[in-house]
Amino acid sequence: MIEDATKIWWDLRPSARFPTLELRITDVCPLIEDALCIAALFRCLCRSLWRRNKKRRRSPNYPLLVLNENRWRAQRYGLEQGFIDLRGESIKPSAALVDELLDLIGEDADDLSSNADIAHARTILARGTSADRQLALYLLQLDRGVTRPRVLRMIVDQLIADTSAPKV
């Protein structure tokens, strides 16, 4: 019943047309700086894993249950409630996990000249994601008595403004 391979839900896969990996687990980033950050993080992480493999250092294998739970936590809470430590021992704040990731891929960011782009992850944590901004606008405008259809149009207008804004 699946029309073609593009209709299959996936997080990460080798491209069928290009010599790349495709990442689809992240949300759409209307701000170009956020999109560049996600792309740089992914690129540096891929290089870090390649480098570990080249040195014959195995990467940890985490339980699928923990990975799926963290995916659900991201969908449900965004970055607000943190994530289960991949060893399954505790919930860690998103900021601590971002710091660990930036430390892990620091050498790769240096080699790929991506330090500024990956450092933007801390800005995203501080000001929130697009979803955070949309929800805040939604709740604020409803509290002000704006009708739901009008609020939804305001959110779309904000997304258009974010997407078309020049890179700073």
N, C-alpha and C. Protein backbone atom coordinates (compact mmCIF):
# COMPACT_ATOMS: atom_id res chain seq x y z
N MET A 1 0.81 -1.19 0.00
CA MET A 1 0.00 0.00 0.00
C MET A 1 0.86 1.27 0.00
N ILE A 2 2.17 1.13 0.25
CA ILE A 2 3.03 2.31 0.27
C ILE A 2 3.34 2.73 -1.16
N GLU A 3 3.03 3.97 -1.45
CA GLU A 3 3.17 4.50 -2.81
C GLU A 3 4.61 4.45 -3.30
N ASP A 4 5.55 4.95 -2.47
CA ASP A 4 6.97 4.90 -2.80
C ASP A 4 7.78 5.08 -1.52
N ALA A 5 9.09 4.95 -1.62
CA ALA A 5 9.96 4.96 -0.43
C ALA A 5 9.90 6.28 0.34
N THR A 6 9.52 7.36 -0.33
CA THR A 6 9.45 8.65 0.38
C THR A 6 8.31 8.69 1.38
N LYS A 7 7.39 7.74 1.31
CA LYS A 7 6.25 7.70 2.21
C LYS A 7 6.53 6.90 3.49
N ILE A 8 7.70 6.31 3.58
CA ILE A 8 8.06 5.52 4.76
C ILE A 8 8.61 6.46 5.83
N TRP A 9 8.10 6.32 7.06
CA TRP A 9 8.57 7.15 8.16
C TRP A 9 9.94 6.67 8.62
N TRP A 10 10.88 7.58 8.74
CA TRP A 10 12.22 7.22 9.18
C TRP A 10 12.87 8.43 9.81
N ASP A 11 13.91 8.18 10.59
CA ASP A 11 14.66 9.25 11.26
C ASP A 11 15.93 9.59 10.49
N LEU A 12 16.60 8.56 10.02
CA LEU A 12 17.89 8.72 9.37
C LEU A 12 18.04 7.58 8.37
N ARG A 13 18.54 7.90 7.18
CA ARG A 13 18.74 6.84 6.19
C ARG A 13 19.77 7.30 5.16
N PRO A 14 20.43 6.35 4.51
CA PRO A 14 21.27 6.72 3.37
C PRO A 14 20.37 7.21 2.24
N SER A 15 20.81 8.22 1.55
CA SER A 15 20.04 8.75 0.43
C SER A 15 20.06 7.75 -0.73
N ALA A 16 18.94 7.62 -1.41
CA ALA A 16 18.87 6.75 -2.58
C ALA A 16 19.49 7.42 -3.80
N ARG A 17 19.60 8.75 -3.78
CA ARG A 17 20.10 9.48 -4.95
C ARG A 17 21.46 10.13 -4.78
N PHE A 18 21.86 10.41 -3.54
CA PHE A 18 23.09 11.15 -3.29
C PHE A 18 23.96 10.39 -2.29
N PRO A 19 25.27 10.62 -2.31
CA PRO A 19 26.14 9.92 -1.35
C PRO A 19 26.13 10.60 0.03
N THR A 20 24.95 10.66 0.62
CA THR A 20 24.77 11.35 1.89
C THR A 20 23.85 10.54 2.80
N LEU A 21 23.78 11.00 4.04
CA LEU A 21 22.76 10.52 4.96
C LEU A 21 21.69 11.59 5.05
N GLU A 22 20.45 11.18 5.10
CA GLU A 22 19.34 12.11 5.23
C GLU A 22 18.82 12.05 6.67
N LEU A 23 18.66 13.21 7.26
CA LEU A 23 18.17 13.34 8.62
C LEU A 23 16.79 13.95 8.57
N ARG A 24 15.79 13.22 9.09
CA ARG A 24 14.42 13.74 9.07
C ARG A 24 13.80 13.77 10.45
N ILE A 25 14.55 13.44 11.48
CA ILE A 25 13.95 13.39 12.81
C ILE A 25 13.72 14.78 13.39
N THR A 26 14.49 15.76 12.97
CA THR A 26 14.34 17.10 13.53
C THR A 26 13.15 17.81 12.92
N ASP A 27 12.65 18.79 13.64
CA ASP A 27 11.55 19.60 13.17
C ASP A 27 12.07 20.59 12.13
N VAL A 28 11.18 21.17 11.38
CA VAL A 28 11.56 22.20 10.42
C VAL A 28 12.01 23.43 11.20
N CYS A 29 13.08 24.04 10.77
CA CYS A 29 13.60 25.23 11.44
C CYS A 29 13.35 26.45 10.56
N PRO A 30 12.39 27.29 10.92
CA PRO A 30 12.15 28.47 10.08
C PRO A 30 13.27 29.51 10.16
N LEU A 31 14.04 29.51 11.23
CA LEU A 31 15.17 30.43 11.34
C LEU A 31 16.41 29.77 10.73
N ILE A 32 17.03 30.45 9.79
CA ILE A 32 18.17 29.87 9.07
C ILE A 32 19.30 29.51 10.03
N GLU A 33 19.52 30.31 11.06
CA GLU A 33 20.59 30.02 12.02
C GLU A 33 20.34 28.69 12.73
N ASP A 34 19.08 28.40 13.04
CA ASP A 34 18.73 27.13 13.68
C ASP A 34 18.97 25.97 12.72
N ALA A 35 18.57 26.14 11.47
CA ALA A 35 18.77 25.08 10.47
C ALA A 35 20.25 24.81 10.26
N LEU A 36 21.05 25.87 10.18
CA LEU A 36 22.50 25.69 10.02
C LEU A 36 23.10 24.98 11.23
N CYS A 37 22.61 25.29 12.41
CA CYS A 37 23.08 24.63 13.64
C CYS A 37 22.78 23.14 13.60
N ILE A 38 21.54 22.78 13.28
CA ILE A 38 21.16 21.36 13.23
C ILE A 38 22.00 20.63 12.19
N ALA A 39 22.18 21.24 11.03
CA ALA A 39 22.98 20.60 9.97
C ALA A 39 24.43 20.43 10.42
N ALA A 40 24.99 21.43 11.08
CA ALA A 40 26.38 21.35 11.54
C ALA A 40 26.53 20.30 12.64
N LEU A 41 25.56 20.25 13.56
CA LEU A 41 25.60 19.23 14.61
C LEU A 41 25.58 17.83 13.99
N PHE A 42 24.71 17.63 13.04
CA PHE A 42 24.60 16.33 12.38
C PHE A 42 25.88 15.99 11.64
N ARG A 43 26.42 16.94 10.92
CA ARG A 43 27.66 16.71 10.16
C ARG A 43 28.82 16.37 11.10
N CYS A 44 28.95 17.13 12.18
CA CYS A 44 30.03 16.88 13.14
C CYS A 44 29.84 15.55 13.86
N LEU A 45 28.62 15.21 14.19
CA LEU A 45 28.35 13.94 14.84
C LEU A 45 28.69 12.77 13.91
N CYS A 46 28.31 12.89 12.65
CA CYS A 46 28.66 11.84 11.68
C CYS A 46 30.17 11.69 11.57
N ARG A 47 30.89 12.80 11.53
CA ARG A 47 32.35 12.74 11.45
C ARG A 47 32.93 12.13 12.72
N SER A 48 32.36 12.47 13.86
CA SER A 48 32.84 11.92 15.12
C SER A 48 32.66 10.40 15.15
N LEU A 49 31.52 9.93 14.70
CA LEU A 49 31.28 8.48 14.65
C LEU A 49 32.22 7.80 13.65
N TRP A 50 32.44 8.43 12.52
CA TRP A 50 33.38 7.90 11.52
C TRP A 50 34.78 7.81 12.13
N ARG A 51 35.18 8.87 12.83
CA ARG A 51 36.52 8.91 13.45
C ARG A 51 36.66 7.80 14.50
N ARG A 52 35.64 7.62 15.33
CA ARG A 52 35.66 6.54 16.33
C ARG A 52 35.79 5.18 15.66
N ASN A 53 35.03 4.98 14.59
CA ASN A 53 35.07 3.72 13.87
C ASN A 53 36.45 3.49 13.24
N LYS A 54 37.03 4.55 12.71
CA LYS A 54 38.35 4.44 12.09
C LYS A 54 39.41 4.02 13.11
N LYS A 55 39.24 4.46 14.35
CA LYS A 55 40.16 4.09 15.44
C LYS A 55 39.75 2.77 16.08
N ARG A 56 38.75 2.13 15.50
CA ARG A 56 38.21 0.86 15.99
C ARG A 56 37.66 0.97 17.41
N ARG A 57 37.13 2.14 17.72
CA ARG A 57 36.47 2.35 19.01
C ARG A 57 34.97 2.23 18.78
N ARG A 58 34.39 1.25 19.39
CA ARG A 58 32.95 1.04 19.21
C ARG A 58 32.15 2.12 19.91
N SER A 59 31.10 2.52 19.27
CA SER A 59 30.17 3.45 19.91
C SER A 59 29.22 2.63 20.78
N PRO A 60 28.76 3.21 21.87
CA PRO A 60 27.84 2.48 22.74
C PRO A 60 26.56 2.10 22.00
N ASN A 61 25.99 1.00 22.39
CA ASN A 61 24.74 0.54 21.82
C ASN A 61 23.67 0.71 22.90
N TYR A 62 22.75 1.65 22.69
CA TYR A 62 21.76 1.97 23.71
C TYR A 62 20.46 1.22 23.46
N PRO A 63 19.74 0.90 24.52
CA PRO A 63 18.47 0.17 24.36
C PRO A 63 17.48 0.99 23.52
N LEU A 64 16.82 0.32 22.60
CA LEU A 64 15.83 0.96 21.76
C LEU A 64 14.71 1.58 22.59
N LEU A 65 14.37 0.95 23.69
CA LEU A 65 13.33 1.48 24.56
C LEU A 65 13.68 2.88 25.06
N VAL A 66 14.94 3.10 25.46
CA VAL A 66 15.37 4.42 25.95
C VAL A 66 15.37 5.42 24.80
N LEU A 67 15.84 5.02 23.63
CA LEU A 67 15.85 5.92 22.47
C LEU A 67 14.43 6.32 22.08
N ASN A 68 13.52 5.36 22.08
CA ASN A 68 12.12 5.66 21.74
C ASN A 68 11.47 6.55 22.78
N GLU A 69 11.78 6.31 24.05
CA GLU A 69 11.23 7.16 25.11
C GLU A 69 11.73 8.59 24.96
N ASN A 70 13.00 8.77 24.63
CA ASN A 70 13.53 10.12 24.43
C ASN A 70 12.91 10.79 23.21
N ARG A 71 12.65 10.03 22.18
CA ARG A 71 11.97 10.59 21.00
C ARG A 71 10.58 11.08 21.42
N TRP A 72 9.87 10.26 22.21
CA TRP A 72 8.56 10.66 22.69
C TRP A 72 8.65 11.90 23.57
N ARG A 73 9.64 11.94 24.45
CA ARG A 73 9.82 13.10 25.33
C ARG A 73 10.07 14.37 24.51
N ALA A 74 10.83 14.25 23.44
CA ALA A 74 11.08 15.40 22.57
C ALA A 74 9.79 15.87 21.91
N GLN A 75 8.98 14.92 21.46
CA GLN A 75 7.71 15.28 20.82
C GLN A 75 6.74 15.89 21.83
N ARG A 76 6.72 15.36 23.02
CA ARG A 76 5.75 15.80 24.03
C ARG A 76 6.17 17.08 24.73
N TYR A 77 7.44 17.16 25.12
CA TYR A 77 7.91 18.26 25.97
C TYR A 77 8.89 19.20 25.29
N GLY A 78 9.33 18.90 24.09
CA GLY A 78 10.38 19.71 23.49
C GLY A 78 11.66 19.56 24.29
N LEU A 79 12.28 20.67 24.62
CA LEU A 79 13.53 20.64 25.37
C LEU A 79 13.31 20.90 26.87
N GLU A 80 12.08 21.16 27.26
CA GLU A 80 11.78 21.60 28.62
C GLU A 80 12.03 20.57 29.72
N GLN A 81 11.71 19.31 29.48
CA GLN A 81 11.74 18.31 30.54
C GLN A 81 12.98 17.43 30.54
N GLY A 82 13.92 17.69 29.64
CA GLY A 82 15.13 16.88 29.60
C GLY A 82 14.88 15.51 28.99
N PHE A 83 15.92 14.69 29.06
CA PHE A 83 15.88 13.38 28.42
C PHE A 83 16.50 12.34 29.34
N ILE A 84 16.10 11.11 29.12
CA ILE A 84 16.67 10.02 29.90
C ILE A 84 18.11 9.83 29.47
N ASP A 85 19.01 9.82 30.44
CA ASP A 85 20.40 9.54 30.16
C ASP A 85 20.45 8.21 29.41
N LEU A 86 21.27 8.13 28.39
CA LEU A 86 21.25 6.94 27.53
C LEU A 86 21.64 5.66 28.26
N ARG A 87 22.20 5.79 29.44
CA ARG A 87 22.45 4.60 30.25
C ARG A 87 21.19 4.25 31.05
N GLY A 88 20.15 5.10 30.93
CA GLY A 88 18.87 4.85 31.58
C GLY A 88 18.88 5.10 33.07
N GLU A 89 19.84 5.89 33.55
CA GLU A 89 19.99 6.08 34.99
C GLU A 89 19.20 7.25 35.56
N SER A 90 19.00 8.30 34.75
CA SER A 90 18.33 9.49 35.26
C SER A 90 17.86 10.35 34.10
N ILE A 91 17.09 11.38 34.44
CA ILE A 91 16.70 12.37 33.44
C ILE A 91 17.68 13.52 33.56
N LYS A 92 18.28 13.89 32.43
CA LYS A 92 19.24 14.98 32.42
C LYS A 92 18.63 16.19 31.72
N PRO A 93 18.93 17.38 32.19
CA PRO A 93 18.45 18.58 31.49
C PRO A 93 19.02 18.66 30.07
N SER A 94 18.25 19.22 29.19
CA SER A 94 18.68 19.36 27.80
C SER A 94 20.00 20.10 27.69
N ALA A 95 20.17 21.13 28.49
CA ALA A 95 21.41 21.93 28.43
C ALA A 95 22.63 21.07 28.75
N ALA A 96 22.52 20.18 29.73
CA ALA A 96 23.65 19.31 30.07
C ALA A 96 23.97 18.36 28.92
N LEU A 97 22.94 17.85 28.27
CA LEU A 97 23.16 16.94 27.14
C LEU A 97 23.74 17.67 25.94
N VAL A 98 23.31 18.90 25.72
CA VAL A 98 23.91 19.69 24.63
C VAL A 98 25.37 19.95 24.92
N ASP A 99 25.69 20.29 26.16
CA ASP A 99 27.10 20.50 26.53
C ASP A 99 27.93 19.23 26.27
N GLU A 100 27.38 18.07 26.65
CA GLU A 100 28.09 16.80 26.41
C GLU A 100 28.29 16.58 24.91
N LEU A 101 27.27 16.86 24.12
CA LEU A 101 27.38 16.67 22.68
C LEU A 101 28.42 17.61 22.09
N LEU A 102 28.40 18.87 22.50
CA LEU A 102 29.38 19.83 21.97
C LEU A 102 30.80 19.44 22.35
N ASP A 103 30.98 18.90 23.54
CA ASP A 103 32.30 18.39 23.94
C ASP A 103 32.70 17.20 23.06
N LEU A 104 31.76 16.29 22.84
CA LEU A 104 32.03 15.10 22.04
C LEU A 104 32.47 15.44 20.62
N ILE A 105 31.84 16.44 20.03
CA ILE A 105 32.11 16.75 18.62
C ILE A 105 33.02 17.96 18.43
N GLY A 106 33.62 18.44 19.52
CA GLY A 106 34.46 19.64 19.44
C GLY A 106 35.58 19.53 18.43
N GLU A 107 36.31 18.43 18.45
CA GLU A 107 37.41 18.22 17.49
C GLU A 107 36.89 18.26 16.05
N ASP A 108 35.74 17.68 15.84
CA ASP A 108 35.15 17.62 14.50
C ASP A 108 34.68 19.00 14.06
N ALA A 109 34.12 19.76 14.99
CA ALA A 109 33.70 21.12 14.67
C ALA A 109 34.90 21.97 14.29
N ASP A 110 36.02 21.79 14.99
CA ASP A 110 37.25 22.50 14.63
C ASP A 110 37.67 22.17 13.21
N ASP A 111 37.72 20.87 12.89
CA ASP A 111 38.17 20.43 11.57
C ASP A 111 37.22 20.84 10.46
N LEU A 112 35.93 20.96 10.77
CA LEU A 112 34.94 21.32 9.76
C LEU A 112 34.57 22.81 9.79
N SER A 113 35.31 23.58 10.60
CA SER A 113 35.04 25.02 10.75
C SER A 113 33.57 25.29 11.09
N SER A 114 33.05 24.53 12.02
CA SER A 114 31.63 24.62 12.36
C SER A 114 31.39 25.10 13.79
N ASN A 115 32.40 25.64 14.44
CA ASN A 115 32.24 26.02 15.85
C ASN A 115 31.13 27.03 16.08
N ALA A 116 31.05 28.04 15.25
CA ALA A 116 30.01 29.05 15.45
C ALA A 116 28.62 28.45 15.23
N ASP A 117 28.49 27.61 14.23
CA ASP A 117 27.18 27.01 13.95
C ASP A 117 26.73 26.09 15.08
N ILE A 118 27.63 25.25 15.60
CA ILE A 118 27.19 24.34 16.67
C ILE A 118 26.99 25.08 17.99
N ALA A 119 27.74 26.16 18.22
CA ALA A 119 27.57 26.94 19.45
C ALA A 119 26.17 27.55 19.51
N HIS A 120 25.54 27.73 18.36
CA HIS A 120 24.18 28.28 18.31
C HIS A 120 23.18 27.38 19.03
N ALA A 121 23.54 26.13 19.27
CA ALA A 121 22.64 25.23 20.00
C ALA A 121 22.31 25.80 21.38
N ARG A 122 23.27 26.48 21.99
CA ARG A 122 23.01 27.09 23.31
C ARG A 122 22.02 28.24 23.18
N THR A 123 22.06 28.95 22.07
CA THR A 123 21.08 30.02 21.82
C THR A 123 19.68 29.43 21.68
N ILE A 124 19.58 28.33 20.95
CA ILE A 124 18.28 27.68 20.80
C ILE A 124 17.74 27.26 22.16
N LEU A 125 18.60 26.70 23.00
CA LEU A 125 18.18 26.31 24.35
C LEU A 125 17.70 27.51 25.15
N ALA A 126 18.41 28.62 25.04
CA ALA A 126 18.09 29.80 25.84
C ALA A 126 16.79 30.47 25.39
N ARG A 127 16.55 30.58 24.10
CA ARG A 127 15.37 31.31 23.62
C ARG A 127 14.23 30.41 23.20
N GLY A 128 14.51 29.11 23.08
CA GLY A 128 13.47 28.17 22.70
C GLY A 128 13.45 27.87 21.22
N THR A 129 12.76 26.80 20.89
CA THR A 129 12.62 26.37 19.51
C THR A 129 11.46 27.11 18.85
N SER A 130 11.29 26.87 17.58
CA SER A 130 10.14 27.44 16.87
C SER A 130 8.84 26.96 17.51
N ALA A 131 8.79 25.70 17.89
CA ALA A 131 7.58 25.18 18.54
C ALA A 131 7.30 25.92 19.85
N ASP A 132 8.35 26.21 20.60
CA ASP A 132 8.19 26.97 21.85
C ASP A 132 7.60 28.35 21.57
N ARG A 133 8.13 29.02 20.55
CA ARG A 133 7.66 30.36 20.21
C ARG A 133 6.22 30.32 19.70
N GLN A 134 5.87 29.30 18.92
CA GLN A 134 4.50 29.18 18.42
C GLN A 134 3.52 28.96 19.57
N LEU A 135 3.87 28.07 20.47
CA LEU A 135 2.99 27.79 21.60
C LEU A 135 2.84 29.02 22.50
N ALA A 136 3.94 29.73 22.74
CA ALA A 136 3.88 30.94 23.58
C ALA A 136 2.97 31.99 22.94
N LEU A 137 3.10 32.18 21.64
CA LEU A 137 2.25 33.14 20.93
C LEU A 137 0.78 32.70 21.01
N TYR A 138 0.54 31.43 20.80
CA TYR A 138 -0.82 30.88 20.86
C TYR A 138 -1.46 31.15 22.22
N LEU A 139 -0.76 30.78 23.29
CA LEU A 139 -1.32 30.95 24.63
C LEU A 139 -1.49 32.43 25.00
N LEU A 140 -0.52 33.26 24.64
CA LEU A 140 -0.60 34.68 24.94
C LEU A 140 -1.80 35.32 24.26
N GLN A 141 -1.97 35.02 22.99
CA GLN A 141 -3.06 35.64 22.25
C GLN A 141 -4.43 35.12 22.69
N LEU A 142 -4.52 33.85 23.03
CA LEU A 142 -5.78 33.33 23.57
C LEU A 142 -6.11 34.02 24.89
N ASP A 143 -5.09 34.22 25.74
CA ASP A 143 -5.30 34.92 27.01
C ASP A 143 -5.78 36.34 26.79
N ARG A 144 -5.38 36.95 25.68
CA ARG A 144 -5.79 38.31 25.35
C ARG A 144 -7.18 38.35 24.71
N GLY A 145 -7.78 37.18 24.53
CA GLY A 145 -9.13 37.15 23.99
C GLY A 145 -9.21 37.04 22.47
N VAL A 146 -8.08 36.84 21.81
CA VAL A 146 -8.08 36.69 20.36
C VAL A 146 -8.68 35.33 20.03
N THR A 147 -9.48 35.27 18.97
CA THR A 147 -10.12 34.01 18.60
C THR A 147 -9.07 33.01 18.10
N ARG A 148 -9.39 31.73 18.28
CA ARG A 148 -8.46 30.67 17.87
C ARG A 148 -8.09 30.76 16.38
N PRO A 149 -9.06 30.93 15.47
CA PRO A 149 -8.67 31.04 14.05
C PRO A 149 -7.72 32.21 13.79
N ARG A 150 -7.95 33.34 14.47
CA ARG A 150 -7.07 34.51 14.29
C ARG A 150 -5.68 34.20 14.86
N VAL A 151 -5.63 33.54 16.01
CA VAL A 151 -4.33 33.19 16.61
C VAL A 151 -3.55 32.27 15.66
N LEU A 152 -4.22 31.30 15.07
CA LEU A 152 -3.54 30.38 14.16
C LEU A 152 -2.99 31.13 12.94
N ARG A 153 -3.74 32.11 12.46
CA ARG A 153 -3.22 32.94 11.35
C ARG A 153 -2.00 33.74 11.80
N MET A 154 -2.02 34.23 13.04
CA MET A 154 -0.87 34.97 13.57
C MET A 154 0.37 34.08 13.64
N ILE A 155 0.17 32.83 14.00
CA ILE A 155 1.30 31.89 14.07
C ILE A 155 1.86 31.65 12.67
N VAL A 156 0.98 31.47 11.70
CA VAL A 156 1.45 31.29 10.32
C VAL A 156 2.19 32.54 9.86
N ASP A 157 1.68 33.71 10.17
CA ASP A 157 2.37 34.96 9.81
C ASP A 157 3.75 35.03 10.45
N GLN A 158 3.85 34.60 11.71
CA GLN A 158 5.15 34.60 12.39
C GLN A 158 6.11 33.62 11.72
N LEU A 159 5.62 32.45 11.33
CA LEU A 159 6.46 31.47 10.63
C LEU A 159 6.95 32.03 9.30
N ILE A 160 6.09 32.71 8.59
CA ILE A 160 6.49 33.32 7.31
C ILE A 160 7.56 34.37 7.56
N ALA A 161 7.36 35.20 8.57
CA ALA A 161 8.35 36.24 8.89
C ALA A 161 9.69 35.61 9.29
N ASP A 162 9.65 34.56 10.12
CA ASP A 162 10.88 33.89 10.52
C ASP A 162 11.60 33.29 9.32
N THR A 163 10.85 32.64 8.46
CA THR A 163 11.44 31.94 7.32
C THR A 163 12.04 32.91 6.32
N SER A 164 11.43 34.05 6.16
CA SER A 164 11.91 35.01 5.15
C SER A 164 12.88 36.03 5.70
N ALA A 165 13.13 35.98 7.01
CA ALA A 165 14.05 36.94 7.64
C ALA A 165 15.47 36.71 7.14
N PRO A 166 16.22 37.79 6.88
CA PRO A 166 17.62 37.62 6.45
C PRO A 166 18.47 37.06 7.58
N LYS A 167 19.53 36.33 7.19
CA LYS A 167 20.47 35.79 8.18
C LYS A 167 21.20 36.93 8.85
N VAL A 168 21.27 36.86 10.18
CA VAL A 168 21.98 37.92 10.92
C VAL A 168 23.40 37.53 11.20
